[in-house]
Amino acid sequence: MTNIYTAINLRPTNISDLDLLFKFQLDKEGGYLAAFMPKDHDDKSAYISKYTKLLANPTVNNQTITINNTIVGSIAKFIMDGNSEITYWIDRKFWGKGIASEALRKFLAIETSRPIYGHVAFDNFGSQKILEKCGFIKVGTDRGFANARQKEIEEFIYKLDYSN
């Protein structure tokens, strides 16, 4: 039997991946935990248009997460307010298996921008643990409007620096 961690691979995201990745982010529980989603997160045309542009942006590193050639999620580095930021999404049927932590470890080996930040909803304990396992340190909090919850919530700010 194959070790699931060695079977996890990252590859550059292709336009052909976007249809399935769009479906993953429609999951209501995942959206609730992610919290900070676009207002039109269920508009497939808007999603495809946005991510097609991001795939062409040289400051964005979009990777698709696969296990034995099956797409299970995505991970990316993007620039926001001059800072490198991390984002990831795992199909819910693959939660709780350590896939996000291992994918983030592998991603951080190829994406060397530092410092790099992660923002996570105050009650998204799973994502907080993933960031901490990968060396991120909680450095602050902020408040923002979470479209997925239709209210303002607290978010925690995590940072991975060269020294972490």
N, C-alpha and C. Protein backbone atom coordinates (compact mmCIF):
# COMPACT_ATOMS: atom_id res chain seq x y z
N MET A 1 0.85 -1.19 0.00
CA MET A 1 0.00 0.00 0.00
C MET A 1 0.89 1.25 0.00
N THR A 2 0.52 2.24 -0.79
CA THR A 2 1.30 3.46 -0.92
C THR A 2 1.10 4.37 0.28
N ASN A 3 2.19 4.95 0.78
CA ASN A 3 2.11 5.93 1.85
C ASN A 3 1.43 7.17 1.28
N ILE A 4 0.37 7.62 1.89
CA ILE A 4 -0.40 8.76 1.37
C ILE A 4 0.46 10.01 1.24
N TYR A 5 1.43 10.20 2.14
CA TYR A 5 2.25 11.41 2.10
C TYR A 5 3.19 11.42 0.91
N THR A 6 3.72 10.26 0.54
CA THR A 6 4.59 10.22 -0.63
C THR A 6 3.77 10.30 -1.91
N ALA A 7 2.49 9.97 -1.84
CA ALA A 7 1.62 10.04 -3.02
C ALA A 7 1.11 11.45 -3.29
N ILE A 8 1.28 12.36 -2.32
CA ILE A 8 0.82 13.75 -2.50
C ILE A 8 1.81 14.47 -3.40
N ASN A 9 1.30 15.04 -4.48
CA ASN A 9 2.14 15.78 -5.41
C ASN A 9 1.53 17.14 -5.69
N LEU A 10 2.39 18.07 -6.05
CA LEU A 10 1.98 19.40 -6.48
C LEU A 10 2.41 19.56 -7.92
N ARG A 11 1.57 20.22 -8.70
CA ARG A 11 1.93 20.56 -10.07
C ARG A 11 1.27 21.88 -10.40
N PRO A 12 1.84 22.63 -11.35
CA PRO A 12 1.22 23.90 -11.71
C PRO A 12 -0.24 23.69 -12.13
N THR A 13 -1.10 24.57 -11.65
CA THR A 13 -2.52 24.48 -11.99
C THR A 13 -2.72 24.80 -13.46
N ASN A 14 -3.56 24.01 -14.10
CA ASN A 14 -3.94 24.22 -15.50
C ASN A 14 -5.37 24.75 -15.56
N ILE A 15 -5.69 25.41 -16.64
CA ILE A 15 -7.07 25.89 -16.83
C ILE A 15 -8.04 24.72 -16.74
N SER A 16 -7.64 23.54 -17.22
CA SER A 16 -8.53 22.38 -17.19
C SER A 16 -8.83 21.91 -15.76
N ASP A 17 -8.04 22.34 -14.76
CA ASP A 17 -8.28 21.98 -13.35
C ASP A 17 -9.39 22.83 -12.73
N LEU A 18 -9.65 23.98 -13.31
CA LEU A 18 -10.51 24.98 -12.66
C LEU A 18 -11.94 24.50 -12.44
N ASP A 19 -12.48 23.70 -13.34
CA ASP A 19 -13.85 23.23 -13.19
C ASP A 19 -14.01 22.43 -11.89
N LEU A 20 -13.09 21.51 -11.64
CA LEU A 20 -13.17 20.70 -10.41
C LEU A 20 -12.84 21.53 -9.18
N LEU A 21 -11.83 22.40 -9.27
CA LEU A 21 -11.48 23.25 -8.12
C LEU A 21 -12.65 24.17 -7.76
N PHE A 22 -13.39 24.64 -8.76
CA PHE A 22 -14.58 25.45 -8.51
C PHE A 22 -15.59 24.64 -7.69
N LYS A 23 -15.81 23.39 -8.07
CA LYS A 23 -16.78 22.55 -7.35
C LYS A 23 -16.37 22.36 -5.89
N PHE A 24 -15.07 22.20 -5.63
CA PHE A 24 -14.61 22.02 -4.24
C PHE A 24 -15.02 23.21 -3.39
N GLN A 25 -14.85 24.43 -3.90
CA GLN A 25 -15.10 25.61 -3.08
C GLN A 25 -16.59 25.93 -2.95
N LEU A 26 -17.46 25.15 -3.56
CA LEU A 26 -18.90 25.30 -3.35
C LEU A 26 -19.37 24.63 -2.06
N ASP A 27 -18.53 23.79 -1.48
CA ASP A 27 -18.88 23.08 -0.26
C ASP A 27 -19.20 24.09 0.85
N LYS A 28 -20.41 24.00 1.40
CA LYS A 28 -20.85 24.98 2.39
C LYS A 28 -20.01 24.96 3.66
N GLU A 29 -19.67 23.78 4.17
CA GLU A 29 -18.86 23.71 5.40
C GLU A 29 -17.46 24.27 5.15
N GLY A 30 -16.88 23.93 4.02
CA GLY A 30 -15.57 24.47 3.68
C GLY A 30 -15.61 25.98 3.52
N GLY A 31 -16.66 26.47 2.88
CA GLY A 31 -16.82 27.91 2.71
C GLY A 31 -16.98 28.62 4.04
N TYR A 32 -17.75 28.01 4.95
CA TYR A 32 -17.94 28.61 6.26
C TYR A 32 -16.59 28.75 6.98
N LEU A 33 -15.78 27.70 6.92
CA LEU A 33 -14.48 27.75 7.59
C LEU A 33 -13.52 28.71 6.90
N ALA A 34 -13.54 28.71 5.57
CA ALA A 34 -12.68 29.64 4.83
C ALA A 34 -13.12 31.08 5.12
N ALA A 35 -14.41 31.29 5.22
CA ALA A 35 -15.04 32.55 5.62
C ALA A 35 -14.86 33.69 4.61
N PHE A 36 -13.63 34.02 4.29
CA PHE A 36 -13.36 35.18 3.45
C PHE A 36 -13.29 34.77 1.99
N MET A 37 -14.47 34.70 1.39
CA MET A 37 -14.61 34.28 0.00
C MET A 37 -15.20 35.44 -0.81
N PRO A 38 -15.06 35.40 -2.13
CA PRO A 38 -15.69 36.44 -2.94
C PRO A 38 -17.21 36.39 -2.78
N LYS A 39 -17.85 37.53 -2.96
CA LYS A 39 -19.32 37.59 -2.89
C LYS A 39 -19.95 36.63 -3.89
N ASP A 40 -19.32 36.51 -5.05
CA ASP A 40 -19.88 35.70 -6.13
C ASP A 40 -19.22 34.32 -6.21
N HIS A 41 -18.89 33.73 -5.06
CA HIS A 41 -18.16 32.46 -5.05
C HIS A 41 -18.89 31.32 -5.76
N ASP A 42 -20.19 31.45 -5.94
CA ASP A 42 -20.94 30.40 -6.63
C ASP A 42 -21.19 30.71 -8.11
N ASP A 43 -20.57 31.75 -8.61
CA ASP A 43 -20.67 32.14 -10.02
C ASP A 43 -19.49 31.53 -10.77
N LYS A 44 -19.76 30.43 -11.47
CA LYS A 44 -18.69 29.69 -12.15
C LYS A 44 -17.96 30.55 -13.17
N SER A 45 -18.68 31.35 -13.93
CA SER A 45 -18.03 32.21 -14.95
C SER A 45 -17.05 33.18 -14.30
N ALA A 46 -17.47 33.79 -13.19
CA ALA A 46 -16.60 34.73 -12.48
C ALA A 46 -15.36 34.00 -11.93
N TYR A 47 -15.57 32.80 -11.40
CA TYR A 47 -14.47 32.01 -10.86
C TYR A 47 -13.45 31.66 -11.95
N ILE A 48 -13.95 31.13 -13.05
CA ILE A 48 -13.06 30.73 -14.16
C ILE A 48 -12.32 31.95 -14.70
N SER A 49 -13.01 33.06 -14.85
CA SER A 49 -12.38 34.28 -15.35
C SER A 49 -11.28 34.75 -14.41
N LYS A 50 -11.59 34.81 -13.11
CA LYS A 50 -10.63 35.27 -12.12
C LYS A 50 -9.39 34.38 -12.10
N TYR A 51 -9.60 33.06 -12.04
CA TYR A 51 -8.46 32.16 -11.91
C TYR A 51 -7.68 32.00 -13.21
N THR A 52 -8.32 32.19 -14.35
CA THR A 52 -7.59 32.19 -15.61
C THR A 52 -6.60 33.35 -15.62
N LYS A 53 -7.02 34.51 -15.13
CA LYS A 53 -6.12 35.67 -15.04
C LYS A 53 -5.00 35.40 -14.02
N LEU A 54 -5.35 34.80 -12.89
CA LEU A 54 -4.34 34.51 -11.87
C LEU A 54 -3.29 33.52 -12.37
N LEU A 55 -3.71 32.56 -13.19
CA LEU A 55 -2.75 31.58 -13.72
C LEU A 55 -1.72 32.25 -14.62
N ALA A 56 -2.09 33.38 -15.21
CA ALA A 56 -1.17 34.10 -16.10
C ALA A 56 -0.34 35.14 -15.35
N ASN A 57 -0.62 35.35 -14.07
CA ASN A 57 0.06 36.36 -13.28
C ASN A 57 1.37 35.79 -12.71
N PRO A 58 2.52 36.34 -13.09
CA PRO A 58 3.79 35.77 -12.63
C PRO A 58 4.06 35.92 -11.14
N THR A 59 3.30 36.78 -10.44
CA THR A 59 3.50 36.92 -8.99
C THR A 59 2.70 35.88 -8.20
N VAL A 60 1.86 35.11 -8.89
CA VAL A 60 1.02 34.10 -8.25
C VAL A 60 1.59 32.72 -8.57
N ASN A 61 1.70 31.89 -7.56
CA ASN A 61 2.15 30.51 -7.73
C ASN A 61 0.97 29.60 -7.39
N ASN A 62 0.23 29.17 -8.41
CA ASN A 62 -0.92 28.27 -8.23
C ASN A 62 -0.49 26.84 -8.47
N GLN A 63 -0.72 25.99 -7.50
CA GLN A 63 -0.40 24.57 -7.64
C GLN A 63 -1.65 23.74 -7.34
N THR A 64 -1.80 22.67 -8.10
CA THR A 64 -2.87 21.72 -7.87
C THR A 64 -2.30 20.57 -7.06
N ILE A 65 -3.04 20.15 -6.04
CA ILE A 65 -2.62 19.05 -5.17
C ILE A 65 -3.26 17.77 -5.70
N THR A 66 -2.44 16.75 -5.93
CA THR A 66 -2.95 15.47 -6.41
C THR A 66 -2.46 14.34 -5.51
N ILE A 67 -3.24 13.28 -5.51
CA ILE A 67 -2.84 12.01 -4.90
C ILE A 67 -3.10 10.96 -5.97
N ASN A 68 -2.03 10.31 -6.40
CA ASN A 68 -2.14 9.30 -7.46
C ASN A 68 -2.92 9.84 -8.66
N ASN A 69 -2.58 11.05 -9.07
CA ASN A 69 -3.18 11.73 -10.23
C ASN A 69 -4.65 12.14 -10.04
N THR A 70 -5.17 12.03 -8.83
CA THR A 70 -6.52 12.51 -8.52
C THR A 70 -6.38 13.88 -7.87
N ILE A 71 -7.08 14.86 -8.41
CA ILE A 71 -7.04 16.21 -7.84
C ILE A 71 -7.80 16.22 -6.51
N VAL A 72 -7.11 16.68 -5.45
CA VAL A 72 -7.73 16.75 -4.13
C VAL A 72 -7.77 18.16 -3.57
N GLY A 73 -7.14 19.12 -4.27
CA GLY A 73 -7.17 20.49 -3.77
C GLY A 73 -6.21 21.38 -4.52
N SER A 74 -6.02 22.56 -3.94
CA SER A 74 -5.13 23.55 -4.54
C SER A 74 -4.42 24.33 -3.44
N ILE A 75 -3.31 24.93 -3.82
CA ILE A 75 -2.55 25.75 -2.90
C ILE A 75 -1.89 26.85 -3.72
N ALA A 76 -1.79 28.04 -3.15
CA ALA A 76 -1.23 29.15 -3.93
C ALA A 76 -0.59 30.19 -3.03
N LYS A 77 0.37 30.89 -3.63
CA LYS A 77 0.95 32.10 -3.05
C LYS A 77 0.50 33.24 -3.93
N PHE A 78 0.06 34.32 -3.30
CA PHE A 78 -0.34 35.51 -4.04
C PHE A 78 0.15 36.72 -3.25
N ILE A 79 0.10 37.87 -3.89
CA ILE A 79 0.53 39.11 -3.24
C ILE A 79 -0.71 39.93 -2.89
N MET A 80 -0.78 40.36 -1.62
CA MET A 80 -1.87 41.23 -1.17
C MET A 80 -1.26 42.31 -0.30
N ASP A 81 -1.53 43.56 -0.65
CA ASP A 81 -0.98 44.70 0.09
C ASP A 81 0.55 44.61 0.22
N GLY A 82 1.20 44.11 -0.82
CA GLY A 82 2.65 44.02 -0.83
C GLY A 82 3.24 42.83 -0.11
N ASN A 83 2.41 41.99 0.49
CA ASN A 83 2.88 40.82 1.23
C ASN A 83 2.56 39.53 0.49
N SER A 84 3.46 38.56 0.61
CA SER A 84 3.18 37.21 0.10
C SER A 84 2.20 36.53 1.05
N GLU A 85 1.16 35.96 0.49
CA GLU A 85 0.11 35.31 1.27
C GLU A 85 -0.07 33.88 0.76
N ILE A 86 -0.50 33.01 1.64
CA ILE A 86 -0.75 31.61 1.29
C ILE A 86 -2.25 31.34 1.36
N THR A 87 -2.72 30.50 0.48
CA THR A 87 -4.11 30.03 0.52
C THR A 87 -4.13 28.59 0.07
N TYR A 88 -5.05 27.80 0.59
CA TYR A 88 -5.19 26.42 0.14
C TYR A 88 -6.62 25.97 0.35
N TRP A 89 -7.00 24.96 -0.41
CA TRP A 89 -8.35 24.39 -0.31
C TRP A 89 -8.25 22.91 -0.60
N ILE A 90 -8.76 22.11 0.30
CA ILE A 90 -8.77 20.66 0.14
C ILE A 90 -10.22 20.21 0.04
N ASP A 91 -10.50 19.33 -0.92
CA ASP A 91 -11.83 18.74 -1.04
C ASP A 91 -12.19 18.11 0.31
N ARG A 92 -13.37 18.40 0.81
CA ARG A 92 -13.75 17.97 2.16
C ARG A 92 -13.62 16.47 2.38
N LYS A 93 -13.86 15.66 1.35
CA LYS A 93 -13.75 14.21 1.58
C LYS A 93 -12.32 13.77 1.90
N PHE A 94 -11.35 14.67 1.77
CA PHE A 94 -9.96 14.37 2.10
C PHE A 94 -9.48 15.07 3.37
N TRP A 95 -10.38 15.72 4.10
CA TRP A 95 -10.01 16.38 5.35
C TRP A 95 -9.59 15.34 6.39
N GLY A 96 -8.75 15.79 7.33
CA GLY A 96 -8.39 14.98 8.48
C GLY A 96 -7.38 13.88 8.20
N LYS A 97 -6.74 13.91 7.05
CA LYS A 97 -5.78 12.87 6.68
C LYS A 97 -4.34 13.40 6.63
N GLY A 98 -4.15 14.68 7.00
CA GLY A 98 -2.82 15.26 6.96
C GLY A 98 -2.40 15.75 5.58
N ILE A 99 -3.30 15.73 4.62
CA ILE A 99 -2.98 16.10 3.24
C ILE A 99 -2.62 17.58 3.14
N ALA A 100 -3.39 18.44 3.78
CA ALA A 100 -3.12 19.88 3.69
C ALA A 100 -1.76 20.21 4.31
N SER A 101 -1.44 19.61 5.44
CA SER A 101 -0.14 19.88 6.09
C SER A 101 1.01 19.44 5.19
N GLU A 102 0.90 18.25 4.63
CA GLU A 102 1.98 17.75 3.77
C GLU A 102 2.07 18.56 2.48
N ALA A 103 0.93 18.93 1.91
CA ALA A 103 0.94 19.75 0.70
C ALA A 103 1.57 21.11 0.98
N LEU A 104 1.27 21.70 2.15
CA LEU A 104 1.86 22.99 2.51
C LEU A 104 3.37 22.85 2.70
N ARG A 105 3.82 21.78 3.34
CA ARG A 105 5.26 21.54 3.51
C ARG A 105 5.95 21.48 2.13
N LYS A 106 5.36 20.72 1.23
CA LYS A 106 5.93 20.58 -0.11
C LYS A 106 5.90 21.91 -0.86
N PHE A 107 4.81 22.64 -0.69
CA PHE A 107 4.68 23.94 -1.36
C PHE A 107 5.75 24.91 -0.87
N LEU A 108 5.96 24.95 0.44
CA LEU A 108 6.94 25.88 1.01
C LEU A 108 8.37 25.55 0.59
N ALA A 109 8.61 24.33 0.15
CA ALA A 109 9.93 23.95 -0.36
C ALA A 109 10.16 24.53 -1.77
N ILE A 110 9.07 24.73 -2.53
CA ILE A 110 9.23 25.27 -3.89
C ILE A 110 8.92 26.76 -3.95
N GLU A 111 8.12 27.25 -3.03
CA GLU A 111 7.79 28.68 -2.97
C GLU A 111 8.59 29.27 -1.82
N THR A 112 9.65 29.98 -2.16
CA THR A 112 10.59 30.43 -1.14
C THR A 112 10.40 31.87 -0.70
N SER A 113 9.33 32.52 -1.15
CA SER A 113 9.06 33.89 -0.69
C SER A 113 8.91 33.90 0.83
N ARG A 114 9.65 34.77 1.46
CA ARG A 114 9.53 34.95 2.91
C ARG A 114 9.73 36.42 3.20
N PRO A 115 9.02 36.96 4.14
CA PRO A 115 8.01 36.26 4.92
C PRO A 115 6.78 35.95 4.06
N ILE A 116 6.03 34.99 4.52
CA ILE A 116 4.76 34.63 3.88
C ILE A 116 3.71 34.53 4.98
N TYR A 117 2.54 35.05 4.70
CA TYR A 117 1.48 35.15 5.69
C TYR A 117 0.31 34.23 5.37
N GLY A 118 -0.38 33.83 6.40
CA GLY A 118 -1.63 33.09 6.28
C GLY A 118 -2.66 33.73 7.18
N HIS A 119 -3.85 33.94 6.66
CA HIS A 119 -4.96 34.50 7.42
C HIS A 119 -6.00 33.40 7.58
N VAL A 120 -6.52 33.26 8.79
CA VAL A 120 -7.46 32.17 9.06
C VAL A 120 -8.54 32.65 10.03
N ALA A 121 -9.76 32.23 9.77
CA ALA A 121 -10.87 32.58 10.66
C ALA A 121 -10.58 32.08 12.08
N PHE A 122 -11.00 32.86 13.06
CA PHE A 122 -10.71 32.57 14.47
C PHE A 122 -11.16 31.17 14.90
N ASP A 123 -12.17 30.62 14.25
CA ASP A 123 -12.70 29.32 14.65
C ASP A 123 -12.36 28.19 13.67
N ASN A 124 -11.43 28.45 12.76
CA ASN A 124 -10.98 27.42 11.83
C ASN A 124 -9.75 26.74 12.43
N PHE A 125 -10.01 25.89 13.44
CA PHE A 125 -8.94 25.27 14.20
C PHE A 125 -8.08 24.34 13.35
N GLY A 126 -8.68 23.68 12.37
CA GLY A 126 -7.93 22.78 11.50
C GLY A 126 -6.86 23.54 10.72
N SER A 127 -7.24 24.65 10.14
CA SER A 127 -6.29 25.43 9.37
C SER A 127 -5.23 26.07 10.26
N GLN A 128 -5.62 26.46 11.46
CA GLN A 128 -4.63 27.00 12.39
C GLN A 128 -3.57 25.94 12.71
N LYS A 129 -4.00 24.70 12.94
CA LYS A 129 -3.06 23.62 13.23
C LYS A 129 -2.14 23.35 12.04
N ILE A 130 -2.68 23.40 10.83
CA ILE A 130 -1.88 23.17 9.63
C ILE A 130 -0.76 24.20 9.54
N LEU A 131 -1.12 25.47 9.69
CA LEU A 131 -0.11 26.53 9.62
C LEU A 131 0.95 26.35 10.71
N GLU A 132 0.52 26.05 11.92
CA GLU A 132 1.46 25.88 13.03
C GLU A 132 2.39 24.69 12.81
N LYS A 133 1.85 23.58 12.29
CA LYS A 133 2.68 22.40 11.99
C LYS A 133 3.78 22.72 10.99
N CYS A 134 3.50 23.69 10.12
CA CYS A 134 4.45 24.05 9.07
C CYS A 134 5.33 25.24 9.45
N GLY A 135 5.32 25.61 10.73
CA GLY A 135 6.25 26.63 11.23
C GLY A 135 5.72 28.04 11.27
N PHE A 136 4.48 28.26 10.89
CA PHE A 136 3.90 29.60 10.97
C PHE A 136 3.65 29.95 12.42
N ILE A 137 3.82 31.22 12.75
CA ILE A 137 3.60 31.72 14.11
C ILE A 137 2.49 32.77 14.06
N LYS A 138 1.58 32.68 15.01
CA LYS A 138 0.50 33.67 15.09
C LYS A 138 1.11 35.01 15.50
N VAL A 139 0.89 36.04 14.65
CA VAL A 139 1.51 37.34 14.91
C VAL A 139 0.49 38.47 15.11
N GLY A 140 -0.79 38.16 14.95
CA GLY A 140 -1.77 39.23 15.14
C GLY A 140 -3.17 38.78 14.81
N THR A 141 -4.07 39.75 14.93
CA THR A 141 -5.47 39.51 14.60
C THR A 141 -5.97 40.70 13.78
N ASP A 142 -7.07 40.48 13.13
CA ASP A 142 -7.73 41.52 12.35
C ASP A 142 -9.21 41.19 12.34
N ARG A 143 -9.99 42.10 11.84
CA ARG A 143 -11.42 41.86 11.66
C ARG A 143 -11.75 42.18 10.22
N GLY A 144 -12.67 41.41 9.68
CA GLY A 144 -13.08 41.66 8.31
C GLY A 144 -14.43 41.04 8.04
N PHE A 145 -15.05 41.50 6.95
CA PHE A 145 -16.36 40.97 6.58
C PHE A 145 -16.17 39.64 5.87
N ALA A 146 -16.78 38.60 6.41
CA ALA A 146 -16.69 37.26 5.84
C ALA A 146 -17.93 37.01 4.99
N ASN A 147 -17.75 37.05 3.69
CA ASN A 147 -18.89 36.85 2.78
C ASN A 147 -19.60 35.53 3.02
N ALA A 148 -18.86 34.47 3.33
CA ALA A 148 -19.47 33.16 3.53
C ALA A 148 -20.36 33.13 4.77
N ARG A 149 -20.15 34.06 5.69
CA ARG A 149 -20.95 34.11 6.92
C ARG A 149 -21.86 35.33 6.98
N GLN A 150 -21.66 36.24 6.06
CA GLN A 150 -22.43 37.48 5.98
C GLN A 150 -22.37 38.30 7.28
N LYS A 151 -21.16 38.33 7.85
CA LYS A 151 -20.93 39.17 9.03
C LYS A 151 -19.44 39.38 9.20
N GLU A 152 -19.10 40.36 10.02
CA GLU A 152 -17.71 40.63 10.34
C GLU A 152 -17.25 39.64 11.40
N ILE A 153 -16.05 39.09 11.19
CA ILE A 153 -15.49 38.16 12.16
C ILE A 153 -14.01 38.48 12.40
N GLU A 154 -13.47 37.86 13.44
CA GLU A 154 -12.05 37.99 13.73
C GLU A 154 -11.28 36.96 12.91
N GLU A 155 -10.10 37.36 12.45
CA GLU A 155 -9.20 36.42 11.80
C GLU A 155 -7.85 36.50 12.48
N PHE A 156 -7.15 35.38 12.47
CA PHE A 156 -5.80 35.33 13.01
C PHE A 156 -4.82 35.45 11.86
N ILE A 157 -3.73 36.16 12.10
CA ILE A 157 -2.69 36.35 11.10
C ILE A 157 -1.48 35.54 11.51
N TYR A 158 -1.03 34.68 10.63
CA TYR A 158 0.14 33.84 10.86
C TYR A 158 1.24 34.27 9.90
N LYS A 159 2.50 34.06 10.33
CA LYS A 159 3.64 34.46 9.53
C LYS A 159 4.71 33.38 9.57
N LEU A 160 5.29 33.11 8.41
CA LEU A 160 6.46 32.25 8.32
C LEU A 160 7.57 33.11 7.76
N ASP A 161 8.64 33.20 8.54
CA ASP A 161 9.77 34.06 8.15
C ASP A 161 10.98 33.15 7.89
N TYR A 162 12.05 33.75 7.47
CA TYR A 162 13.29 32.99 7.24
C TYR A 162 13.75 32.31 8.51
N SER A 163 13.49 32.95 9.66
CA SER A 163 13.99 32.42 10.92
C SER A 163 13.11 31.32 11.50
N ASN A 164 11.90 31.11 10.95
CA ASN A 164 10.99 30.09 11.50
C ASN A 164 11.45 28.71 11.08
